[in-house]
PDB file of N, CA and C in Angstrom:
ATOM      1  N   MET A   1      78.383 141.192 111.966  1.00  0.00           N
ATOM      2  CA  MET A   1      76.646 140.739 111.288  1.00  0.00           C
ATOM      3  C   MET A   1      76.971 140.987 109.655  1.00  0.00           C
ATOM      4  N   ASP A   2      75.832 139.601 108.929  1.00  0.00           N
ATOM      5  CA  ASP A   2      75.657 139.677 108.089  1.00  0.00           C
ATOM      6  C   ASP A   2      74.604 139.891 107.839  1.00  0.00           C
ATOM      7  N   ILE A   3      73.556 140.766 106.661  1.00  0.00           N
ATOM      8  CA  ILE A   3      72.441 140.990 106.024  1.00  0.00           C
ATOM      9  C   ILE A   3      70.918 140.442 106.953  1.00  0.00           C
ATOM     10  N   ARG A   4      71.560 138.705 106.838  1.00  0.00           N
ATOM     11  CA  ARG A   4      70.436 137.826 107.193  1.00  0.00           C
ATOM     12  C   ARG A   4      70.851 138.548 108.447  1.00  0.00           C
ATOM     13  N   ASP A   5      71.918 138.374 109.238  1.00  0.00           N
ATOM     14  CA  ASP A   5      71.642 139.081 110.944  1.00  0.00           C
ATOM     15  C   ASP A   5      70.521 140.171 111.005  1.00  0.00           C
ATOM     16  N   TRP A   6      71.233 141.213 110.332  1.00  0.00           N
ATOM     17  CA  TRP A   6      70.397 142.448 110.515  1.00  0.00           C
ATOM     18  C   TRP A   6      69.317 141.718 110.259  1.00  0.00           C
ATOM     19  N   GLN A   7      68.563 141.395 109.723  1.00  0.00           N
ATOM     20  CA  GLN A   7      67.405 140.981 109.504  1.00  0.00           C
ATOM     21  C   GLN A   7      66.882 139.937 110.138  1.00  0.00           C
ATOM     22  N   GLN A   8      67.251 139.314 111.151  1.00  0.00           N
ATOM     23  CA  GLN A   8      66.637 138.839 111.976  1.00  0.00           C
ATOM     24  C   GLN A   8      66.780 139.689 113.070  1.00  0.00           C
ATOM     25  N   GLU A   9      67.793 140.533 113.487  1.00  0.00           N
ATOM     26  CA  GLU A   9      67.333 141.558 114.485  1.00  0.00           C
ATOM     27  C   GLU A   9      66.407 142.276 114.633  1.00  0.00           C
ATOM     28  N   ILE A  10      65.979 143.035 113.169  1.00  0.00           N
ATOM     29  CA  ILE A  10      65.200 144.241 113.239  1.00  0.00           C
ATOM     30  C   ILE A  10      63.662 143.217 112.788  1.00  0.00           C
ATOM     31  N   ASP A  11      63.835 141.958 112.938  1.00  0.00           N
ATOM     32  CA  ASP A  11      62.406 140.845 112.578  1.00  0.00           C
ATOM     33  C   ASP A  11      62.313 140.951 114.605  1.00  0.00           C
ATOM     34  N   GLU A  12      63.276 140.750 115.163  1.00  0.00           N
ATOM     35  CA  GLU A  12      62.858 140.442 116.239  1.00  0.00           C
ATOM     36  C   GLU A  12      62.216 141.744 117.236  1.00  0.00           C
ATOM     37  N   TRP A  13      63.198 142.604 116.456  1.00  0.00           N
ATOM     38  CA  TRP A  13      62.650 144.231 117.422  1.00  0.00           C
ATOM     39  C   TRP A  13      60.939 144.349 117.156  1.00  0.00           C
ATOM     40  N   ILE A  14      61.164 144.155 115.404  1.00  0.00           N
ATOM     41  CA  ILE A  14      59.594 144.327 115.831  1.00  0.00           C
ATOM     42  C   ILE A  14      58.532 143.787 116.436  1.00  0.00           C
ATOM     43  N   LYS A  15      58.596 142.488 117.138  1.00  0.00           N
ATOM     44  CA  LYS A  15      58.537 141.669 117.185  1.00  0.00           C
ATOM     45  C   LYS A  15      58.021 141.925 118.767  1.00  0.00           C
ATOM     46  N   THR A  16      58.963 142.429 119.727  1.00  0.00           N
ATOM     47  CA  THR A  16      59.470 142.961 120.803  1.00  0.00           C
ATOM     48  C   THR A  16      58.679 144.272 121.168  1.00  0.00           C
ATOM     49  N   HIS A  17      58.917 145.396 119.926  1.00  0.00           N
ATOM     50  CA  HIS A  17      58.376 146.700 119.923  1.00  0.00           C
ATOM     51  C   HIS A  17      57.707 147.654 119.913  1.00  0.00           C
ATOM     52  N   GLY A  18      57.557 146.506 117.861  1.00  0.00           N
ATOM     53  CA  GLY A  18      56.902 147.380 116.960  1.00  0.00           C
ATOM     54  C   GLY A  18      54.685 146.581 117.267  1.00  0.00           C
ATOM     55  N   VAL A  19      55.482 145.360 118.272  1.00  0.00           N
ATOM     56  CA  VAL A  19      53.554 145.255 118.150  1.00  0.00           C
ATOM     57  C   VAL A  19      53.939 144.021 116.072  1.00  0.00           C
ATOM     58  N   ARG A  20      54.021 144.788 115.356  1.00  0.00           N
ATOM     59  CA  ARG A  20      53.940 144.450 114.077  1.00  0.00           C
ATOM     60  C   ARG A  20      54.591 144.843 113.633  1.00  0.00           C
ATOM     61  N   TYR A  21      54.636 144.069 112.253  1.00  0.00           N
ATOM     62  CA  TYR A  21      54.313 145.232 110.616  1.00  0.00           C
ATOM     63  C   TYR A  21      53.785 145.953 110.331  1.00  0.00           C
ATOM     64  N   PHE A  22      54.341 147.165 109.849  1.00  0.00           N
ATOM     65  CA  PHE A  22      52.668 147.243 109.188  1.00  0.00           C
ATOM     66  C   PHE A  22      52.693 146.851 107.849  1.00  0.00           C
ATOM     67  N   ASP A  23      51.445 147.268 107.121  1.00  0.00           N
ATOM     68  CA  ASP A  23      51.474 146.222 106.354  1.00  0.00           C
ATOM     69  C   ASP A  23      52.611 146.983 105.036  1.00  0.00           C
ATOM     70  N   VAL A  24      52.608 146.141 104.090  1.00  0.00           N
ATOM     71  CA  VAL A  24      53.508 146.537 102.976  1.00  0.00           C
ATOM     72  C   VAL A  24      52.893 147.796 101.974  1.00  0.00           C
ATOM     73  N   ARG A  25      52.195 148.147 101.843  1.00  0.00           N
ATOM     74  CA  ARG A  25      52.072 149.900 101.608  1.00  0.00           C
ATOM     75  C   ARG A  25      52.172 150.687 102.273  1.00  0.00           C
ATOM     76  N   THR A  26      51.878 150.391 103.649  1.00  0.00           N
ATOM     77  CA  THR A  26      52.966 151.061 104.581  1.00  0.00           C
ATOM     78  C   THR A  26      54.268 151.827 104.364  1.00  0.00           C
ATOM     79  N   ASN A  27      54.221 150.729 104.799  1.00  0.00           N
ATOM     80  CA  ASN A  27      56.242 150.277 104.496  1.00  0.00           C
ATOM     81  C   ASN A  27      56.774 150.964 103.723  1.00  0.00           C
ATOM     82  N   GLY A  28      56.512 150.096 102.279  1.00  0.00           N
ATOM     83  CA  GLY A  28      56.709 151.225 101.056  1.00  0.00           C
ATOM     84  C   GLY A  28      56.805 152.281 101.161  1.00  0.00           C
ATOM     85  N   LEU A  29      55.552 152.735 101.914  1.00  0.00           N
ATOM     86  CA  LEU A  29      55.298 154.545 101.278  1.00  0.00           C
ATOM     87  C   LEU A  29      56.446 154.975 102.277  1.00  0.00           C
ATOM     88  N   ILE A  30      56.672 154.817 103.582  1.00  0.00           N
ATOM     89  CA  ILE A  30      57.579 154.905 104.918  1.00  0.00           C
ATOM     90  C   ILE A  30      58.893 154.942 104.120  1.00  0.00           C
ATOM     91  N   LEU A  31      59.572 154.032 103.264  1.00  0.00           N
ATOM     92  CA  LEU A  31      60.653 153.854 101.879  1.00  0.00           C
ATOM     93  C   LEU A  31      60.377 155.138 102.148  1.00  0.00           C
ATOM     94  N   MET A  32      59.844 154.981 100.187  1.00  0.00           N
ATOM     95  CA  MET A  32      59.904 156.588 100.165  1.00  0.00           C
ATOM     96  C   MET A  32      59.970 157.828 101.145  1.00  0.00           C
ATOM     97  N   GLU A  33      59.714 158.118 101.880  1.00  0.00           N
ATOM     98  CA  GLU A  33      59.804 159.003 102.771  1.00  0.00           C
ATOM     99  C   GLU A  33      61.016 159.756 102.879  1.00  0.00           C
ATOM    100  N   GLU A  34      61.156 158.266 103.551  1.00  0.00           N
ATOM    101  CA  GLU A  34      62.969 158.469 104.134  1.00  0.00           C
ATOM    102  C   GLU A  34      63.755 158.815 103.176  1.00  0.00           C
ATOM    103  N   VAL A  35      63.875 157.716 102.044  1.00  0.00           N
ATOM    104  CA  VAL A  35      64.477 158.180 101.253  1.00  0.00           C
ATOM    105  C   VAL A  35      64.254 159.530 100.522  1.00  0.00           C
ATOM    106  N   GLY A  36      62.892 160.836 100.467  1.00  0.00           N
ATOM    107  CA  GLY A  36      62.841 161.578 100.287  1.00  0.00           C
ATOM    108  C   GLY A  36      63.278 162.446 101.248  1.00  0.00           C
ATOM    109  N   GLU A  37      63.535 162.075 102.534  1.00  0.00           N
ATOM    110  CA  GLU A  37      64.551 162.510 103.676  1.00  0.00           C
ATOM    111  C   GLU A  37      66.250 162.741 103.615  1.00  0.00           C
ATOM    112  N   LEU A  38      66.732 161.864 103.121  1.00  0.00           N
ATOM    113  CA  LEU A  38      67.926 162.243 102.613  1.00  0.00           C
ATOM    114  C   LEU A  38      68.177 163.026 101.747  1.00  0.00           C
ATOM    115  N   ALA A  39      67.555 162.649 100.764  1.00  0.00           N
ATOM    116  CA  ALA A  39      67.174 163.531  99.192  1.00  0.00           C
ATOM    117  C   ALA A  39      67.273 165.016  99.376  1.00  0.00           C
ATOM    118  N   ARG A  40      66.310 165.658 100.387  1.00  0.00           N
ATOM    119  CA  ARG A  40      66.430 166.700 100.990  1.00  0.00           C
ATOM    120  C   ARG A  40      67.689 166.475 101.529  1.00  0.00           C
ATOM    121  N   HIS A  41      68.663 166.287 102.966  1.00  0.00           N
ATOM    122  CA  HIS A  41      70.168 166.664 102.905  1.00  0.00           C
ATOM    123  C   HIS A  41      70.975 166.427 102.352  1.00  0.00           C
ATOM    124  N   LEU A  42      70.746 165.372 101.193  1.00  0.00           N
ATOM    125  CA  LEU A  42      71.910 165.800 100.435  1.00  0.00           C
ATOM    126  C   LEU A  42      71.781 167.225  98.947  1.00  0.00           C
ATOM    127  N   ALA A  43      70.559 167.646  98.786  1.00  0.00           N
ATOM    128  CA  ALA A  43      70.381 169.016  97.999  1.00  0.00           C
ATOM    129  C   ALA A  43      70.583 169.879  98.927  1.00  0.00           C
ATOM    130  N   ARG A  44      71.289 170.023 100.111  1.00  0.00           N
ATOM    131  CA  ARG A  44      71.543 170.690 100.329  1.00  0.00           C
ATOM    132  C   ARG A  44      72.605 170.788 101.392  1.00  0.00           C
ATOM    133  N   GLN A  45      73.500 169.486 101.200  1.00  0.00           N
ATOM    134  CA  GLN A  45      74.861 169.530 101.924  1.00  0.00           C
ATOM    135  C   GLN A  45      76.009 169.030 100.663  1.00  0.00           C
ATOM    136  N   HIS A  46      75.155 168.745  99.533  1.00  0.00           N
ATOM    137  CA  HIS A  46      75.834 168.926  97.982  1.00  0.00           C
ATOM    138  C   HIS A  46      75.050 169.283  97.149  1.00  0.00           C
ATOM    139  N   GLY A  47      74.521 169.526  97.390  1.00  0.00           N
ATOM    140  CA  GLY A  47      73.792 169.968  96.002  1.00  0.00           C
ATOM    141  C   GLY A  47      73.635 171.644  96.245  1.00  0.00           C
ATOM    142  N   GLU A  48      72.551 172.850  95.558  1.00  0.00           N
ATOM    143  CA  GLU A  48      72.199 174.071  95.072  1.00  0.00           C
ATOM    144  C   GLU A  48      71.730 174.549  96.277  1.00  0.00           C
ATOM    145  N   GLN A  49      70.710 173.183  96.669  1.00  0.00           N
ATOM    146  CA  GLN A  49      70.243 173.871  98.716  1.00  0.00           C
ATOM    147  C   GLN A  49      70.686 174.180  99.219  1.00  0.00           C
ATOM    148  N   SER A  50      69.886 175.307 100.107  1.00  0.00           N
ATOM    149  CA  SER A  50      70.627 175.940 101.359  1.00  0.00           C
ATOM    150  C   SER A  50      69.320 174.928 102.174  1.00  0.00           C
ATOM    151  N   TYR A  51      69.738 175.389 104.140  1.00  0.00           N
ATOM    152  CA  TYR A  51      69.514 175.308 104.906  1.00  0.00           C
ATOM    153  C   TYR A  51      68.954 176.131 105.147  1.00  0.00           C
ATOM    154  N   LYS A  52      67.466 176.687 105.527  1.00  0.00           N
ATOM    155  CA  LYS A  52      66.788 177.563 106.375  1.00  0.00           C
ATOM    156  C   LYS A  52      67.107 178.276 107.274  1.00  0.00           C
ATOM    157  N   HIS A  53      67.980 177.276 108.483  1.00  0.00           N
ATOM    158  CA  HIS A  53      68.141 177.160 109.453  1.00  0.00           C
ATOM    159  C   HIS A  53      69.853 177.009 109.947  1.00  0.00           C
ATOM    160  N   ALA A  54      71.079 177.905 110.600  1.00  0.00           N
ATOM    161  CA  ALA A  54      72.487 178.471 110.252  1.00  0.00           C
ATOM    162  C   ALA A  54      72.742 176.603 110.808  1.00  0.00           C
ATOM    163  N   GLN A  55      71.398 176.001 112.274  1.00  0.00           N
ATOM    164  CA  GLN A  55      72.051 175.392 113.263  1.00  0.00           C
ATOM    165  C   GLN A  55      71.757 173.800 112.029  1.00  0.00           C
ATOM    166  N   ASP A  56      71.131 173.904 111.259  1.00  0.00           N
ATOM    167  CA  ASP A  56      70.899 172.568 110.781  1.00  0.00           C
ATOM    168  C   ASP A  56      71.879 171.909 109.551  1.00  0.00           C
ATOM    169  N   GLU A  57      72.177 172.939 109.362  1.00  0.00           N
ATOM    170  CA  GLU A  57      74.116 172.693 108.890  1.00  0.00           C
ATOM    171  C   GLU A  57      75.128 172.298 109.625  1.00  0.00           C
ATOM    172  N   ASP A  58      75.111 171.791 110.637  1.00  0.00           N
ATOM    173  CA  ASP A  58      75.917 171.832 111.985  1.00  0.00           C
ATOM    174  C   ASP A  58      75.932 170.260 112.404  1.00  0.00           C
ATOM    175  N   THR A  59      74.773 169.825 111.585  1.00  0.00           N
ATOM    176  CA  THR A  59      74.599 167.974 112.249  1.00  0.00           C
ATOM    177  C   THR A  59      73.842 167.135 110.417  1.00  0.00           C
ATOM    178  N   THR A  60      74.145 167.849 109.634  1.00  0.00           N
ATOM    179  CA  THR A  60      73.721 167.202 108.269  1.00  0.00           C
ATOM    180  C   THR A  60      75.035 166.074 107.915  1.00  0.00           C
ATOM    181  N   LYS A  61      76.167 165.462 108.610  1.00  0.00           N
ATOM    182  CA  LYS A  61      76.111 164.707 108.729  1.00  0.00           C
ATOM    183  C   LYS A  61      75.887 163.527 108.992  1.00  0.00           C
ATOM    184  N   GLN A  62      75.373 163.643 110.368  1.00  0.00           N
ATOM    185  CA  GLN A  62      74.249 162.499 111.220  1.00  0.00           C
ATOM    186  C   GLN A  62      73.273 162.517 110.972  1.00  0.00           C
ATOM    187  N   ALA A  63      72.454 163.893 110.008  1.00  0.00           N
ATOM    188  CA  ALA A  63      71.247 163.220 109.749  1.00  0.00           C
ATOM    189  C   ALA A  63      71.427 162.269 108.357  1.00  0.00           C
ATOM    190  N   ILE A  64      72.546 162.442 108.272  1.00  0.00           N
ATOM    191  CA  ILE A  64      72.279 161.495 106.680  1.00  0.00           C
ATOM    192  C   ILE A  64      73.105 160.330 106.860  1.00  0.00           C
ATOM    193  N   GLN A  65      73.821 159.728 107.998  1.00  0.00           N
ATOM    194  CA  GLN A  65      73.577 158.452 108.883  1.00  0.00           C
ATOM    195  C   GLN A  65      72.446 158.620 109.134  1.00  0.00           C
ATOM    196  N   GLU A  66      71.366 158.794 109.801  1.00  0.00           N
ATOM    197  CA  GLU A  66      70.189 158.501 110.293  1.00  0.00           C
ATOM    198  C   GLU A  66      69.252 158.093 109.087  1.00  0.00           C
ATOM    199  N   GLU A  67      69.507 158.886 108.020  1.00  0.00           N
ATOM    200  CA  GLU A  67      68.458 158.944 107.070  1.00  0.00           C
ATOM    201  C   GLU A  67      69.182 157.831 106.485  1.00  0.00           C
ATOM    202  N   MET A  68      69.848 156.801 105.990  1.00  0.00           N
ATOM    203  CA  MET A  68      70.425 156.221 105.695  1.00  0.00           C
ATOM    204  C   MET A  68      69.890 154.754 106.261  1.00  0.00           C
ATOM    205  N   ALA A  69      70.451 155.087 107.893  1.00  0.00           N
ATOM    206  CA  ALA A  69      69.814 153.549 108.977  1.00  0.00           C
ATOM    207  C   ALA A  69      68.264 153.132 108.858  1.00  0.00           C
ATOM    208  N   ASP A  70      67.705 154.561 108.601  1.00  0.00           N
ATOM    209  CA  ASP A  70      66.136 154.728 108.411  1.00  0.00           C
ATOM    210  C   ASP A  70      65.334 153.567 107.219  1.00  0.00           C
ATOM    211  N   ILE A  71      66.169 153.904 105.886  1.00  0.00           N
ATOM    212  CA  ILE A  71      65.783 153.460 104.981  1.00  0.00           C
ATOM    213  C   ILE A  71      66.174 152.016 104.654  1.00  0.00           C
ATOM    214  N   LEU A  72      67.302 151.362 106.023  1.00  0.00           N
ATOM    215  CA  LEU A  72      67.561 150.304 105.941  1.00  0.00           C
ATOM    216  C   LEU A  72      66.960 149.450 106.181  1.00  0.00           C
ATOM    217  N   PHE A  73      66.474 149.851 107.585  1.00  0.00           N
ATOM    218  CA  PHE A  73      65.441 149.295 108.703  1.00  0.00           C
ATOM    219  C   PHE A  73      64.207 148.778 107.486  1.00  0.00           C
ATOM    220  N   VAL A  74      63.690 150.234 106.902  1.00  0.00           N
ATOM    221  CA  VAL A  74      62.121 150.067 106.394  1.00  0.00           C
ATOM    222  C   VAL A  74      62.190 149.028 105.258  1.00  0.00           C
ATOM    223  N   LEU A  75      63.721 149.071 104.411  1.00  0.00           N
ATOM    224  CA  LEU A  75      63.764 147.964 103.521  1.00  0.00           C
ATOM    225  C   LEU A  75      63.821 146.655 104.322  1.00  0.00           C
ATOM    226  N   MET A  76      64.289 146.372 105.623  1.00  0.00           N
ATOM    227  CA  MET A  76      64.989 145.103 105.814  1.00  0.00           C
ATOM    228  C   MET A  76      63.246 144.549 106.080  1.00  0.00           C
ATOM    229  N   CYS A  77      62.444 145.686 106.837  1.00  0.00           N
ATOM    230  CA  CYS A  77      61.384 145.401 107.069  1.00  0.00           C
ATOM    231  C   CYS A  77      60.229 144.300 106.175  1.00  0.00           C
ATOM    232  N   LEU A  78      60.758 145.458 105.241  1.00  0.00           N
ATOM    233  CA  LEU A  78      59.567 144.638 103.583  1.00  0.00           C
ATOM    234  C   LEU A  78      60.447 143.166 103.191  1.00  0.00           C
ATOM    235  N   ALA A  79      61.493 143.407 103.664  1.00  0.00           N
ATOM    236  CA  ALA A  79      62.090 142.574 103.189  1.00  0.00           C
ATOM    237  C   ALA A  79      61.669 140.790 103.224  1.00  0.00           C
ATOM    238  N   ASN A  80      61.418 141.443 105.248  1.00  0.00           N
ATOM    239  CA  ASN A  80      61.105 140.407 105.941  1.00  0.00           C
ATOM    240  C   ASN A  80      59.550 139.809 105.742  1.00  0.00           C
ATOM    241  N   GLN A  81      58.835 141.257 105.485  1.00  0.00           N
ATOM    242  CA  GLN A  81      57.578 140.527 105.167  1.00  0.00           C
ATOM    243  C   GLN A  81      57.420 140.347 103.943  1.00  0.00           C
ATOM    244  N   MET A  82      57.976 139.975 103.014  1.00  0.00           N
ATOM    245  CA  MET A  82      58.178 139.340 101.723  1.00  0.00           C
ATOM    246  C   MET A  82      58.223 138.340 101.833  1.00  0.00           C
ATOM    247  N   GLU A  83      59.288 137.444 103.153  1.00  0.00           N
ATOM    248  CA  GLU A  83      60.338 136.535 102.667  1.00  0.00           C
ATOM    249  C   GLU A  83      61.481 136.937 101.924  1.00  0.00           C
ATOM    250  N   VAL A  84      62.280 137.658 101.416  1.00  0.00           N
ATOM    251  CA  VAL A  84      62.901 138.374 100.376  1.00  0.00           C
ATOM    252  C   VAL A  84      64.942 138.042 101.470  1.00  0.00           C
ATOM    253  N   ASP A  85      65.313 137.081 100.744  1.00  0.00           N
ATOM    254  CA  ASP A  85      67.099 137.323 100.727  1.00  0.00           C
ATOM    255  C   ASP A  85      67.891 138.593 100.879  1.00  0.00           C
ATOM    256  N   LEU A  86      67.766 139.803 101.253  1.00  0.00           N
ATOM    257  CA  LEU A  86      68.138 140.984 100.944  1.00  0.00           C
ATOM    258  C   LEU A  86      69.891 140.342 100.504  1.00  0.00           C
ATOM    259  N   GLY A  87      70.496 139.487 100.880  1.00  0.00           N
ATOM    260  CA  GLY A  87      71.740 139.182 100.709  1.00  0.00           C
ATOM    261  C   GLY A  87      72.127 138.540  99.669  1.00  0.00           C
ATOM    262  N   ALA A  88      71.552 137.675  99.291  1.00  0.00           N
ATOM    263  CA  ALA A  88      71.270 136.638  98.437  1.00  0.00           C
ATOM    264  C   ALA A  88      70.983 137.725  96.895  1.00  0.00           C
ATOM    265  N   CYS A  89      69.673 138.926  97.636  1.00  0.00           N
ATOM    266  CA  CYS A  89      69.758 139.764  95.794  1.00  0.00           C
ATOM    267  C   CYS A  89      70.716 140.627  95.532  1.00  0.00           C
ATOM    268  N   LEU A  90      71.580 140.221  96.962  1.00  0.00           N
ATOM    269  CA  LEU A  90      72.306 141.605  96.535  1.00  0.00           C
ATOM    270  C   LEU A  90      74.137 141.031  95.890  1.00  0.00           C
ATOM    271  N   ARG A  91      74.201 139.426  96.782  1.00  0.00           N
ATOM    272  CA  ARG A  91      74.967 138.915  95.722  1.00  0.00           C
ATOM    273  C   ARG A  91      74.425 138.952  93.885  1.00  0.00           C
ATOM    274  N   GLN A  92      73.023 138.412  93.871  1.00  0.00           N
ATOM    275  CA  GLN A  92      72.633 137.942  92.114  1.00  0.00           C
ATOM    276  C   GLN A  92      72.971 139.232  91.672  1.00  0.00           C
ATOM    277  N   SER A  93      72.840 140.756  92.539  1.00  0.00           N
ATOM    278  CA  SER A  93      72.585 142.112  91.634  1.00  0.00           C
ATOM    279  C   SER A  93      74.353 142.419  91.148  1.00  0.00           C
ATOM    280  N   ILE A  94      75.677 142.190  92.553  1.00  0.00           N
ATOM    281  CA  ILE A  94      76.651 142.397  91.854  1.00  0.00           C
ATOM    282  C   ILE A  94      77.088 141.775  90.902  1.00  0.00           C
ATOM    283  N   ALA A  95      76.652 140.222  90.843  1.00  0.00           N
ATOM    284  CA  ALA A  95      76.379 139.173  89.530  1.00  0.00           C
ATOM    285  C   ALA A  95      76.519 140.173  88.779  1.00  0.00           C
ATOM    286  N   LYS A  96      75.709 140.152  88.119  1.00  0.00           N
ATOM    287  CA  LYS A  96      74.584 140.588  87.137  1.00  0.00           C
ATOM    288  C   LYS A  96      75.443 142.502  86.461  1.00  0.00           C
ATOM    289  N   LYS A  97      75.553 143.295  87.627  1.00  0.00           N
ATOM    290  CA  LYS A  97      76.131 144.129  87.645  1.00  0.00           C
ATOM    291  C   LYS A  97      77.292 144.052  86.585  1.00  0.00           C
ATOM    292  N   THR A  98      78.233 143.032  87.353  1.00  0.00           N
ATOM    293  CA  THR A  98      79.812 142.311  86.966  1.00  0.00           C
ATOM    294  C   THR A  98      79.792 142.543  85.946  1.00  0.00           C
ATOM    295  N   LYS A  99      78.934 141.056  85.352  1.00  0.00           N
ATOM    296  CA  LYS A  99      78.664 141.040  83.688  1.00  0.00           C
ATOM    297  C   LYS A  99      77.761 141.557  82.950  1.00  0.00           C
ATOM    298  N   ARG A 100      77.208 142.656  83.291  1.00  0.00           N
ATOM    299  CA  ARG A 100      76.690 143.671  82.310  1.00  0.00           C
ATOM    300  C   ARG A 100      78.190 144.629  82.110  1.00  0.00           C
ATOM    301  N   ASP A 101      78.779 145.338  83.329  1.00  0.00           N
ATOM    302  CA  ASP A 101      79.111 146.141  83.613  1.00  0.00           C
ATOM    303  C   ASP A 101      80.651 146.166  82.936  1.00  0.00           C
ATOM    304  N   SER A 102      81.598 144.998  82.433  1.00  0.00           N
ATOM    305  CA  SER A 102      82.591 144.682  82.941  1.00  0.00           C
ATOM    306  C   SER A 102      83.557 145.614  82.952  1.00  0.00           C
ATOM    307  N   ASP A 103      83.347 146.461  81.838  1.00  0.00           N
ATOM    308  CA  ASP A 103      84.406 146.613  81.230  1.00  0.00           C
ATOM    309  C   ASP A 103      83.613 148.995  80.533  1.00  0.00           C
ATOM    310  N   ARG A 104      82.723 148.468  80.972  1.00  0.00           N
ATOM    311  CA  ARG A 104      81.336 149.881  80.491  1.00  0.00           C
ATOM    312  C   ARG A 104      82.409 151.379  81.521  1.00  0.00           C
ATOM    313  N   HIS A 105      82.585 150.978  82.529  1.00  0.00           N
ATOM    314  CA  HIS A 105      83.010 152.474  82.711  1.00  0.00           C
ATOM    315  C   HIS A 105      84.469 152.175  82.853  1.00  0.00           C
ATOM    316  N   LEU A 106      85.282 151.166  82.671  1.00  0.00           N
ATOM    317  CA  LEU A 106      86.890 151.865  82.691  1.00  0.00           C
ATOM    318  C   LEU A 106      87.013 152.391  81.380  1.00  0.00           C
ATOM    319  N   THR A 107      86.088 152.140  80.138  1.00  0.00           N
ATOM    320  CA  THR A 107      86.576 152.874  78.842  1.00  0.00           C
ATOM    321  C   THR A 107      85.430 154.041  79.084  1.00  0.00           C
ATOM    322  N   ASN A 108      85.196 154.331  79.721  1.00  0.00           N
ATOM    323  CA  ASN A 108      83.237 155.743  79.970  1.00  0.00           C
ATOM    324  C   ASN A 108      84.761 156.850  80.012  1.00  0.00           C
ATOM    325  N   PRO A 109      85.037 157.785  78.994  1.00  0.00           N
ATOM    326  CA  PRO A 109      85.810 158.717  79.492  1.00  0.00           C
ATOM    327  C   PRO A 109      85.205 160.311  80.471  1.00  0.00           C
ATOM    328  N   LYS A 110      83.744 159.117  80.555  1.00  0.00           N
ATOM    329  CA  LYS A 110      83.366 161.072  81.606  1.00  0.00           C
ATOM    330  C   LYS A 110      83.672 160.151  82.480  1.00  0.00           C
ATOM    331  N   LEU A 111      84.230 159.205  83.124  1.00  0.00           N
ATOM    332  CA  LEU A 111      84.685 158.451  84.451  1.00  0.00           C
ATOM    333  C   LEU A 111      86.149 158.734  84.631  1.00  0.00           C
ATOM    334  N   ALA A 112      87.136 159.124  83.695  1.00  0.00           N
ATOM    335  CA  ALA A 112      87.797 159.546  83.679  1.00  0.00           C
ATOM    336  C   ALA A 112      89.348 160.372  84.653  1.00  0.00           C
ATOM    337  N   ASP A 113      87.778 160.822  85.324  1.00  0.00           N
ATOM    338  CA  ASP A 113      88.247 162.612  86.073  1.00  0.00           C
ATOM    339  C   ASP A 113      88.570 162.047  87.359  1.00  0.00           C
ATOM    340  N   THR A 114      89.769 161.887  87.302  1.00  0.00           N
ATOM    341  CA  THR A 114      90.269 161.532  89.376  1.00  0.00           C
ATOM    342  C   THR A 114      89.839 162.581  89.991  1.00  0.00           C
ATOM    343  N   ASN A 115      89.424 163.630  89.845  1.00  0.00           N
ATOM    344  CA  ASN A 115      88.457 164.180  91.412  1.00  0.00           C
ATOM    345  C   ASN A 115      87.824 165.575  90.458  1.00  0.00           C
ATOM    346  N   PRO A 116      86.516 164.080  90.840  1.00  0.00           N
ATOM    347  CA  PRO A 116      84.660 164.405  91.150  1.00  0.00           C
ATOM    348  C   PRO A 116      84.974 166.321  91.701  1.00  0.00           C
ATOM    349  N   THR A 117      84.192 166.581  90.570  1.00  0.00           N
ATOM    350  CA  THR A 117      83.576 167.991  91.938  1.00  0.00           C
ATOM    351  C   THR A 117      82.138 167.796  92.820  1.00  0.00           C
ATOM    352  N   ASP A 118      81.624 166.460  92.790  1.00  0.00           N
ATOM    353  CA  ASP A 118      80.573 166.208  93.198  1.00  0.00           C
ATOM    354  C   ASP A 118      80.871 165.135  94.862  1.00  0.00           C
ATOM    355  N   GLY A 119      81.928 164.730  95.338  1.00  0.00           N
ATOM    356  CA  GLY A 119      82.121 163.763  95.853  1.00  0.00           C
ATOM    357  C   GLY A 119      81.882 164.295  97.483  1.00  0.00           C
TER     358      GLY A 119
END
C-alpha cells in the first residue's frame, strides 16, 4: 500500500470506529504527545537516561515501533482533515532536499565517520 491507501484506510477506520475526527487542534496536540512518547523511549534506549523499571527496557523496541505507528496514524488523520496528500508532500520534500543538499552531505567531514556511535 502507498501513503494514499493508508490515508484512505485511516479515514474508513475513523468513520467506522472513531465516530468522527477529533478537531485539528486536538489532533495537533495528540501528535505532539505521541512524538514526546517516542522521544522518551529514544532518550532511554539511545540516550543517557534509564528506565525506572528493568522490565520496561525489555519492551523498548516494540514501544518505539508502537509510538512511530501512533505518530503516523495521527499525522494521517490531520492530513485527511486538511485535505493534504502526504505522498505528494513527501515527493516535493525529497525533491527540495535533493536540490538543496545534492552534495552538501557528501562533502561534510562530520559525516565521514562510517561507524557512528549513536546508531
